[in-house]
Amino acid sequence: MNKATQLRYNMESLCIYQFKTDPVMHSLLHLLRSIEDGEAVLEAQSAFFSTLAPRDTLRRYISKLILTDDNVFSKAAAGDATDRLHPAILDGVKSDLAKLEAIADLTPEDILHAVENKDLREVLGTLPRWENGEALPPLSQNWAEQTEALASFHKRNGYGLFASYAAFEWRDHALSPISATDPIQLSDLKNYELQRSQVVDNTESFVCGLPANNVLLYGDRGTGKSSTIHAILNAYKEQGLRMIEIPKSAVEELSLIREYLADSPMKFIIYIDDLSFDSQDNAFTELKAALEGGLSACQPNTLIYATSNRRHLIRETWTDRTDLENNNGMHKSDTMQEKLSLVNRFGVTINYSKPSQKEYFQIVVGLAEKNGIHMTEEELCAEANKWELSHGGISGRTAQQFINYLAGKQE
């Protein structure tokens, strides 16, 4: 049996890693099947090269497929539960890895040697060569012997789509990965140390499988609420944390989202930015149930982190206020309790208030030092004061924008 035929059998007998629908692997299988089909091999090899070449080298591509596959082994490994798998599953993983490593070593010469027709071989020899390259770690060599290293990889990095991306949007009733996220780190944030420590402590408990609470960060604009959430993801994504941002319009789908994630061993923060409601908004009731009152709120692998500029989350109109004042005291009390009940269902509520001018200057000085801005503290504060007067007032965001301006002038 020639090597190309053996590799075709390898691809057709994979049992854990099912890659036949992948465009490159589908094209490769078509090539291997076409070897005994006369002139079809010419078109098949040309198509395989055109499919693979713009993407990657063959070994690297196949190794990346393995690292990002969603299967029974990778999912169990992400939850540190491979010891619960049946031995036959682990045997299947090792068998597939050995086969896939052999497939990743396929060369144009292997195809050439498998074709008996001299004229076809001559034309095949004129086609461009694909590169085999190097596999991604931990699949450097002897892939079948790397199951423990592979399990460790999945424990750190996740499985399937969650191994490739850390952040997602909920769009059209499905997860959509976010390829470029804010790289901000917790160390980049200045002041509000007490507030951030509460978010960090809660998140650490969550990723460690300990009891944790839903979190509401509220307060003035530009104080770092959203930046704190972004930095939390960067700090804990290698410990299995993933983040799904949803618009307020998708709050009514929270039960659906949690059901979608229910069987995943990873931890998910469902993030709602700039949260607020109108007094008649149906999503208000849905969020209350998702926070505590509904069955979906009991799922241990999801928490809700939200930011808002409002303490009570409900935008009150003059009509609402007039209606409230015209009602008796008991009704007024019931209405206020209804508004407070949503906030109280967040186990952790953290206030980010507008900094004082002294705190604003401290943020500026800290950011300037981090960004290599060479000015005296007196000069910095004087220029920062001018900046905030014409750029939205005192806030952490204004300080960062000022430092970005200075850093741009230094380039």
Protein backbone atom coordinates (compact mmCIF):
# COMPACT_ATOMS: atom_id res chain seq x y z
CA MET A 1 0.00 0.00 0.00
CA ASN A 2 1.43 3.38 -0.97
CA LYS A 3 1.64 6.21 1.57
CA ALA A 4 -1.09 8.32 -0.02
CA THR A 5 -3.60 5.48 0.17
CA GLN A 6 -2.68 4.83 3.81
CA LEU A 7 -3.25 8.48 4.61
CA ARG A 8 -6.66 8.36 2.96
CA TYR A 9 -7.57 5.44 5.21
CA ASN A 10 -6.26 7.45 8.16
CA MET A 11 -8.53 10.38 7.36
CA GLU A 12 -11.55 8.19 6.80
CA SER A 13 -11.08 6.37 10.12
CA LEU A 14 -10.72 9.37 12.47
CA CYS A 15 -13.13 8.92 15.39
CA ILE A 16 -12.55 11.79 17.88
CA TYR A 17 -11.23 14.58 15.67
CA GLN A 18 -13.82 14.96 12.90
CA PHE A 19 -12.24 17.38 10.44
CA LYS A 20 -13.83 16.26 7.18
CA THR A 21 -15.94 19.41 6.85
CA ASP A 22 -12.95 21.72 7.29
CA PRO A 23 -12.16 23.26 3.88
CA VAL A 24 -8.47 22.27 3.84
CA MET A 25 -9.06 18.76 5.16
CA HIS A 26 -12.02 18.26 2.83
CA SER A 27 -9.85 19.31 -0.09
CA LEU A 28 -7.04 17.00 1.06
CA LEU A 29 -9.37 14.02 1.36
CA HIS A 30 -10.68 14.74 -2.13
CA LEU A 31 -7.09 14.78 -3.40
CA LEU A 32 -6.27 11.44 -1.79
CA ARG A 33 -9.44 9.88 -3.19
CA SER A 34 -8.73 11.20 -6.69
CA ILE A 35 -5.38 9.44 -7.06
CA GLU A 36 -7.01 6.44 -8.67
CA ASP A 37 -9.37 8.58 -10.76
CA GLY A 38 -7.13 9.49 -13.67
CA GLU A 39 -6.83 13.14 -14.62
CA ALA A 40 -8.97 14.22 -11.65
CA VAL A 41 -5.85 14.14 -9.49
CA LEU A 42 -4.44 17.16 -11.34
CA GLU A 43 -7.39 19.38 -10.53
CA ALA A 44 -7.62 17.98 -7.00
CA GLN A 45 -3.97 18.72 -6.18
CA SER A 46 -4.21 22.19 -7.65
CA ALA A 47 -7.34 22.87 -5.57
CA PHE A 48 -5.68 21.56 -2.39
CA PHE A 49 -2.68 23.82 -2.87
CA SER A 50 -4.94 26.83 -3.50
CA THR A 51 -6.94 26.06 -0.35
CA LEU A 52 -3.99 25.48 1.98
CA ALA A 53 -1.34 27.96 0.80
CA PRO A 54 -3.12 31.22 1.80
CA ARG A 55 -3.91 29.81 5.25
CA ASP A 56 -0.79 28.15 6.66
CA THR A 57 1.68 25.32 6.34
CA LEU A 58 0.19 21.83 6.57
CA ARG A 59 1.58 20.73 9.95
CA ARG A 60 0.80 24.06 11.59
CA TYR A 61 -2.70 24.10 10.13
CA ILE A 62 -3.59 20.60 11.29
CA SER A 63 -2.08 21.17 14.72
CA LYS A 64 -4.18 24.33 15.09
CA LEU A 65 -7.29 22.34 14.18
CA ILE A 66 -6.45 19.89 16.96
CA LEU A 67 -5.86 22.64 19.53
CA THR A 68 -9.13 24.40 18.72
CA ASP A 69 -11.39 21.38 18.23
CA ASP A 70 -14.59 20.92 20.21
CA ASN A 71 -14.78 17.23 21.09
CA VAL A 72 -15.36 15.02 24.11
CA PHE A 73 -11.66 15.03 25.04
CA SER A 74 -10.94 18.75 24.61
CA LYS A 75 -14.11 19.68 26.50
CA ALA A 76 -13.29 17.35 29.40
CA ALA A 77 -9.70 18.65 29.47
CA ALA A 78 -10.91 22.26 29.68
CA GLY A 79 -12.76 21.26 32.84
CA ASP A 80 -9.79 19.27 34.19
CA ALA A 81 -11.88 16.11 33.97
CA THR A 82 -10.02 13.80 31.55
CA ASP A 83 -9.66 11.26 34.36
CA ARG A 84 -13.42 10.71 34.11
CA LEU A 85 -13.28 9.74 30.44
CA HIS A 86 -13.61 6.10 29.43
CA PRO A 87 -10.21 4.60 28.50
CA ALA A 88 -11.54 3.88 25.01
CA ILE A 89 -11.92 7.65 24.45
CA LEU A 90 -8.29 8.26 25.40
CA ASP A 91 -7.20 5.41 23.14
CA GLY A 92 -9.19 7.03 20.34
CA VAL A 93 -7.45 10.35 20.95
CA LYS A 94 -4.01 8.75 20.75
CA SER A 95 -4.94 6.82 17.61
CA ASP A 96 -6.29 9.94 15.91
CA LEU A 97 -3.25 12.01 16.87
CA ALA A 98 -0.90 9.44 15.35
CA LYS A 99 -2.95 9.43 12.14
CA LEU A 100 -3.14 13.20 11.97
CA GLU A 101 0.62 13.54 12.45
CA ALA A 102 1.17 11.20 9.51
CA ILE A 103 -1.30 13.21 7.42
CA ALA A 104 0.50 16.44 8.34
CA ASP A 105 3.70 14.97 6.85
CA LEU A 106 2.12 14.45 3.40
CA THR A 107 4.31 15.84 0.60
CA PRO A 108 3.72 16.35 -3.14
CA GLU A 109 6.16 13.47 -3.72
CA ASP A 110 3.79 11.13 -1.88
CA ILE A 111 1.07 11.98 -4.37
CA LEU A 112 3.49 11.68 -7.28
CA HIS A 113 4.65 8.21 -6.24
CA ALA A 114 1.07 6.99 -5.84
CA VAL A 115 0.11 7.90 -9.42
CA GLU A 116 0.97 5.19 -11.95
CA ASN A 117 0.38 7.14 -15.16
CA LYS A 118 3.69 8.57 -16.38
CA ASP A 119 2.09 11.53 -18.16
CA LEU A 120 0.10 12.50 -15.09
CA ARG A 121 3.24 12.28 -12.94
CA GLU A 122 5.02 14.59 -15.34
CA VAL A 123 2.31 17.25 -15.03
CA LEU A 124 2.04 16.79 -11.26
CA GLY A 125 5.75 17.55 -11.05
CA THR A 126 5.12 21.02 -12.49
CA LEU A 127 2.57 22.00 -9.82
CA PRO A 128 3.70 24.25 -6.94
CA ARG A 129 4.72 22.61 -3.66
CA TRP A 130 2.95 23.20 -0.39
CA GLU A 131 5.01 23.59 2.78
CA ASN A 132 4.74 21.23 5.73
CA GLY A 133 6.27 23.59 8.29
CA GLU A 134 6.24 23.06 12.07
CA ALA A 135 3.37 22.15 14.36
CA LEU A 136 2.18 24.38 17.17
CA PRO A 137 3.23 23.35 20.69
CA PRO A 138 2.63 21.05 22.46
CA LEU A 139 2.40 19.05 19.21
CA SER A 140 6.02 19.40 18.20
CA GLN A 141 6.57 15.70 17.57
CA ASN A 142 5.18 12.27 18.53
CA TRP A 143 1.68 13.67 18.79
CA ALA A 144 0.17 10.49 20.22
CA GLU A 145 2.45 10.84 23.23
CA GLN A 146 1.31 14.39 23.97
CA THR A 147 -2.15 13.70 25.39
CA GLU A 148 -1.22 14.95 28.87
CA ALA A 149 0.37 18.10 27.46
CA LEU A 150 -2.66 18.57 25.24
CA ALA A 151 -4.98 18.21 28.23
CA SER A 152 -2.96 20.87 30.07
CA PHE A 153 -3.23 23.16 27.05
CA HIS A 154 -7.02 22.88 27.05
CA LYS A 155 -7.19 23.44 30.79
CA ARG A 156 -5.34 26.76 30.30
CA ASN A 157 -6.82 27.84 26.99
CA GLY A 158 -10.21 26.21 26.61
CA TYR A 159 -11.63 24.19 23.77
CA GLY A 160 -13.29 24.78 20.41
CA LEU A 161 -14.21 28.40 19.73
CA PHE A 162 -13.28 29.27 23.32
CA ALA A 163 -9.68 28.22 22.66
CA SER A 164 -9.39 30.74 19.83
CA TYR A 165 -11.21 33.69 21.39
CA ALA A 166 -11.73 35.08 24.88
CA ALA A 167 -14.46 37.60 24.13
CA PHE A 168 -17.74 37.31 22.25
CA GLU A 169 -20.82 39.27 21.29
CA TRP A 170 -24.31 37.82 21.39
CA ARG A 171 -25.66 38.61 17.95
CA ASP A 172 -28.63 37.13 16.08
CA HIS A 173 -29.17 34.50 18.80
CA ALA A 174 -25.60 33.19 18.54
CA LEU A 175 -22.07 33.87 19.79
CA SER A 176 -19.91 36.00 17.52
CA PRO A 177 -16.19 36.07 18.44
CA ILE A 178 -14.39 39.37 19.00
CA SER A 179 -10.91 39.08 17.50
CA ALA A 180 -9.47 42.38 18.79
CA THR A 181 -10.12 43.31 22.42
CA ASP A 182 -8.89 46.11 24.65
CA PRO A 183 -5.42 45.03 25.89
CA ILE A 184 -5.70 47.08 29.09
CA GLN A 185 -4.28 45.45 32.22
CA LEU A 186 -5.29 45.97 35.84
CA SER A 187 -1.91 47.60 36.43
CA ASP A 188 -2.75 50.24 33.81
CA LEU A 189 -5.66 51.54 35.88
CA LYS A 190 -4.89 54.29 38.36
CA ASN A 191 -6.82 55.03 41.58
CA TYR A 192 -10.07 53.22 42.50
CA GLU A 193 -7.91 50.42 43.97
CA LEU A 194 -10.54 49.53 46.58
CA GLN A 195 -13.27 49.21 43.94
CA ARG A 196 -11.12 47.06 41.67
CA SER A 197 -10.06 44.81 44.53
CA GLN A 198 -13.72 43.92 45.10
CA VAL A 199 -14.13 42.96 41.44
CA VAL A 200 -10.86 41.00 41.50
CA ASP A 201 -11.78 39.09 44.67
CA ASN A 202 -15.20 38.17 43.30
CA THR A 203 -13.75 37.07 39.95
CA GLU A 204 -11.04 34.97 41.57
CA SER A 205 -13.68 33.14 43.60
CA PHE A 206 -15.67 32.56 40.43
CA VAL A 207 -12.83 31.11 38.34
CA CYS A 208 -11.79 28.90 41.28
CA GLY A 209 -15.27 27.39 41.49
CA LEU A 210 -16.14 29.12 44.76
CA PRO A 211 -19.37 31.05 45.47
CA ALA A 212 -19.40 34.42 43.70
CA ASN A 213 -21.85 37.22 43.03
CA ASN A 214 -23.22 39.16 40.10
CA VAL A 215 -21.61 42.61 40.01
CA LEU A 216 -22.90 46.11 39.24
CA LEU A 217 -20.38 48.92 38.74
CA TYR A 218 -22.16 52.27 38.80
CA GLY A 219 -21.15 55.89 38.94
CA ASP A 220 -19.95 58.84 36.90
CA ARG A 221 -18.91 58.60 33.30
CA GLY A 222 -15.25 58.08 32.49
CA THR A 223 -14.29 56.68 35.88
CA GLY A 224 -13.03 53.31 34.60
CA LYS A 225 -16.00 51.00 35.08
CA SER A 226 -15.82 49.44 31.62
CA SER A 227 -12.01 49.46 31.64
CA THR A 228 -12.07 47.46 34.87
CA ILE A 229 -14.23 44.78 33.22
CA HIS A 230 -11.94 44.63 30.17
CA ALA A 231 -8.88 44.32 32.41
CA ILE A 232 -10.53 41.54 34.43
CA LEU A 233 -10.90 39.46 31.27
CA ASN A 234 -7.24 39.96 30.36
CA ALA A 235 -6.18 38.99 33.88
CA TYR A 236 -8.17 35.74 34.06
CA LYS A 237 -8.67 34.50 30.50
CA GLU A 238 -5.80 32.02 30.92
CA GLN A 239 -7.65 30.56 33.89
CA GLY A 240 -10.65 29.65 31.78
CA LEU A 241 -12.60 32.90 31.98
CA ARG A 242 -14.53 34.03 28.89
CA MET A 243 -16.70 37.11 28.41
CA ILE A 244 -19.87 37.57 26.40
CA GLU A 245 -21.03 41.13 25.84
CA ILE A 246 -24.73 41.59 25.22
CA PRO A 247 -26.67 44.73 24.39
CA LYS A 248 -29.51 45.75 26.66
CA SER A 249 -31.89 44.68 23.90
CA ALA A 250 -30.71 41.08 24.42
CA VAL A 251 -31.42 41.00 28.16
CA GLU A 252 -34.63 39.10 27.42
CA GLU A 253 -32.45 36.33 25.93
CA LEU A 254 -30.39 35.77 29.08
CA SER A 255 -32.08 32.43 29.78
CA LEU A 256 -31.30 31.31 26.22
CA ILE A 257 -27.67 32.38 26.55
CA ARG A 258 -27.23 30.54 29.85
CA GLU A 259 -28.85 27.43 28.41
CA TYR A 260 -26.43 27.61 25.48
CA LEU A 261 -23.49 27.67 27.91
CA ALA A 262 -24.89 25.27 30.49
CA ASP A 263 -22.78 22.20 29.64
CA SER A 264 -19.49 24.07 29.20
CA PRO A 265 -16.82 23.51 31.87
CA MET A 266 -15.54 27.07 31.41
CA LYS A 267 -16.56 30.20 33.30
CA PHE A 268 -18.44 33.02 31.58
CA ILE A 269 -19.08 36.62 32.53
CA ILE A 270 -22.11 38.01 30.70
CA TYR A 271 -21.27 41.69 30.36
CA ILE A 272 -23.86 44.45 29.94
CA ASP A 273 -22.40 47.92 29.46
CA ASP A 274 -24.21 51.18 30.26
CA LEU A 275 -27.26 49.44 31.66
CA SER A 276 -30.45 51.40 32.28
CA PHE A 277 -34.17 50.89 31.78
CA ASP A 278 -37.28 52.89 31.10
CA SER A 279 -39.92 52.46 33.77
CA GLN A 280 -42.07 50.31 31.46
CA ASP A 281 -39.24 48.24 30.02
CA ASN A 282 -40.03 44.50 29.92
CA ALA A 283 -36.31 43.65 30.10
CA PHE A 284 -36.33 44.96 33.69
CA THR A 285 -38.34 41.94 34.84
CA GLU A 286 -36.26 39.55 32.74
CA LEU A 287 -33.02 40.77 34.31
CA LYS A 288 -34.47 40.43 37.81
CA ALA A 289 -35.28 36.78 37.12
CA ALA A 290 -31.89 36.15 35.55
CA LEU A 291 -30.09 37.62 38.55
CA GLU A 292 -31.85 35.58 41.17
CA GLY A 293 -35.46 34.64 40.64
CA GLY A 294 -35.36 32.22 37.70
CA LEU A 295 -34.06 28.69 37.32
CA SER A 296 -31.37 29.84 34.85
CA ALA A 297 -29.85 32.01 37.58
CA CYS A 298 -28.71 28.84 39.36
CA GLN A 299 -26.17 27.84 36.70
CA PRO A 300 -22.72 27.96 38.32
CA ASN A 301 -20.68 28.75 35.19
CA THR A 302 -22.13 32.21 34.45
CA LEU A 303 -22.22 35.56 36.24
CA ILE A 304 -23.55 38.92 35.13
CA TYR A 305 -21.28 41.97 35.33
CA ALA A 306 -22.95 45.26 34.41
CA THR A 307 -21.95 48.91 34.33
CA SER A 308 -24.29 51.85 34.66
CA ASN A 309 -24.22 55.58 35.24
CA ARG A 310 -27.30 55.18 37.43
CA ARG A 311 -27.53 53.73 40.92
CA HIS A 312 -31.11 52.56 40.47
CA LEU A 313 -30.83 51.65 36.76
CA ILE A 314 -34.24 53.11 35.84
CA ARG A 315 -34.50 56.37 33.93
CA GLU A 316 -37.24 58.39 35.57
CA THR A 317 -39.26 60.84 33.46
CA TRP A 318 -41.25 63.84 34.72
CA THR A 319 -44.41 61.84 34.01
CA ASP A 320 -43.14 58.98 36.17
CA ARG A 321 -42.33 61.38 38.99
CA THR A 322 -45.74 63.09 38.80
CA ASP A 323 -47.52 59.73 38.80
CA LEU A 324 -45.51 58.64 41.80
CA GLU A 325 -46.29 61.83 43.75
CA ASN A 326 -50.00 61.51 43.00
CA ASN A 327 -50.15 58.00 44.50
CA ASN A 328 -50.51 57.27 48.19
CA GLY A 329 -47.52 56.52 50.40
CA MET A 330 -47.91 52.74 50.26
CA HIS A 331 -47.90 52.76 46.44
CA LYS A 332 -44.91 55.08 46.44
CA SER A 333 -43.06 52.72 48.77
CA ASP A 334 -43.92 49.72 46.60
CA THR A 335 -42.65 51.53 43.52
CA MET A 336 -39.36 52.44 45.18
CA GLN A 337 -38.93 48.87 46.43
CA GLU A 338 -39.52 47.58 42.91
CA LYS A 339 -36.72 49.81 41.61
CA LEU A 340 -34.34 48.89 44.42
CA SER A 341 -35.04 45.17 44.10
CA LEU A 342 -33.10 44.92 40.84
CA VAL A 343 -30.00 46.61 42.25
CA ASN A 344 -30.17 44.47 45.38
CA ARG A 345 -30.06 41.30 43.29
CA PHE A 346 -26.53 42.17 42.26
CA GLY A 347 -24.58 40.64 45.12
CA VAL A 348 -21.81 43.21 44.70
CA THR A 349 -22.53 46.86 43.89
CA ILE A 350 -19.53 49.17 43.55
CA ASN A 351 -19.56 52.95 43.26
CA TYR A 352 -17.11 54.69 40.91
CA SER A 353 -17.53 58.35 41.79
CA LYS A 354 -16.02 61.32 40.01
CA PRO A 355 -12.44 61.92 41.24
CA SER A 356 -11.45 65.06 43.06
CA GLN A 357 -9.01 67.38 41.34
CA LYS A 358 -6.21 65.98 43.51
CA GLU A 359 -7.13 62.43 42.50
CA TYR A 360 -7.35 63.52 38.87
CA PHE A 361 -3.79 64.88 39.05
CA GLN A 362 -2.63 61.64 40.70
CA ILE A 363 -4.08 59.65 37.81
CA VAL A 364 -2.38 61.95 35.28
CA VAL A 365 1.00 61.67 37.00
CA GLY A 366 0.73 57.88 37.26
CA LEU A 367 -0.21 57.50 33.59
CA ALA A 368 2.52 59.89 32.52
CA GLU A 369 5.15 57.85 34.36
CA LYS A 370 3.87 54.62 32.81
CA ASN A 371 3.91 56.12 29.31
CA GLY A 372 7.34 57.73 29.60
CA ILE A 373 6.10 61.35 29.50
CA HIS A 374 9.01 63.54 30.60
CA MET A 375 7.49 66.60 32.24
CA THR A 376 7.66 67.94 35.76
CA GLU A 377 4.68 67.21 37.98
CA GLU A 378 3.90 70.92 38.10
CA GLU A 379 3.88 71.19 34.30
CA LEU A 380 1.77 68.05 33.96
CA CYS A 381 -0.86 69.25 36.40
CA ALA A 382 -1.06 72.69 34.80
CA GLU A 383 -1.54 71.23 31.32
CA ALA A 384 -3.95 68.58 32.62
CA ASN A 385 -6.04 71.30 34.21
CA LYS A 386 -6.27 73.17 30.90
CA TRP A 387 -7.14 69.93 29.11
CA GLU A 388 -10.02 68.93 31.37
CA LEU A 389 -11.61 72.38 31.14
CA SER A 390 -12.12 71.92 27.41
CA HIS A 391 -12.48 68.13 27.22
CA GLY A 392 -15.40 66.99 29.34
CA GLY A 393 -14.26 67.70 32.88
CA ILE A 394 -12.41 65.68 35.50
CA SER A 395 -12.44 61.90 35.04
CA GLY A 396 -10.10 58.98 34.53
CA ARG A 397 -11.07 58.93 30.85
CA THR A 398 -10.12 62.60 30.45
CA ALA A 399 -6.75 61.86 32.10
CA GLN A 400 -6.10 58.98 29.69
CA GLN A 401 -7.05 61.11 26.69
CA PHE A 402 -4.70 63.84 27.88
CA ILE A 403 -1.82 61.37 28.22
CA ASN A 404 -2.59 59.95 24.76
CA TYR A 405 -2.34 63.49 23.41
CA LEU A 406 1.04 64.07 25.08
CA ALA A 407 2.37 60.69 23.95
CA GLY A 408 1.35 61.47 20.38
CA LYS A 409 3.25 64.75 20.48
CA GLN A 410 6.40 62.94 21.62
CA GLU A 411 6.41 60.57 18.63
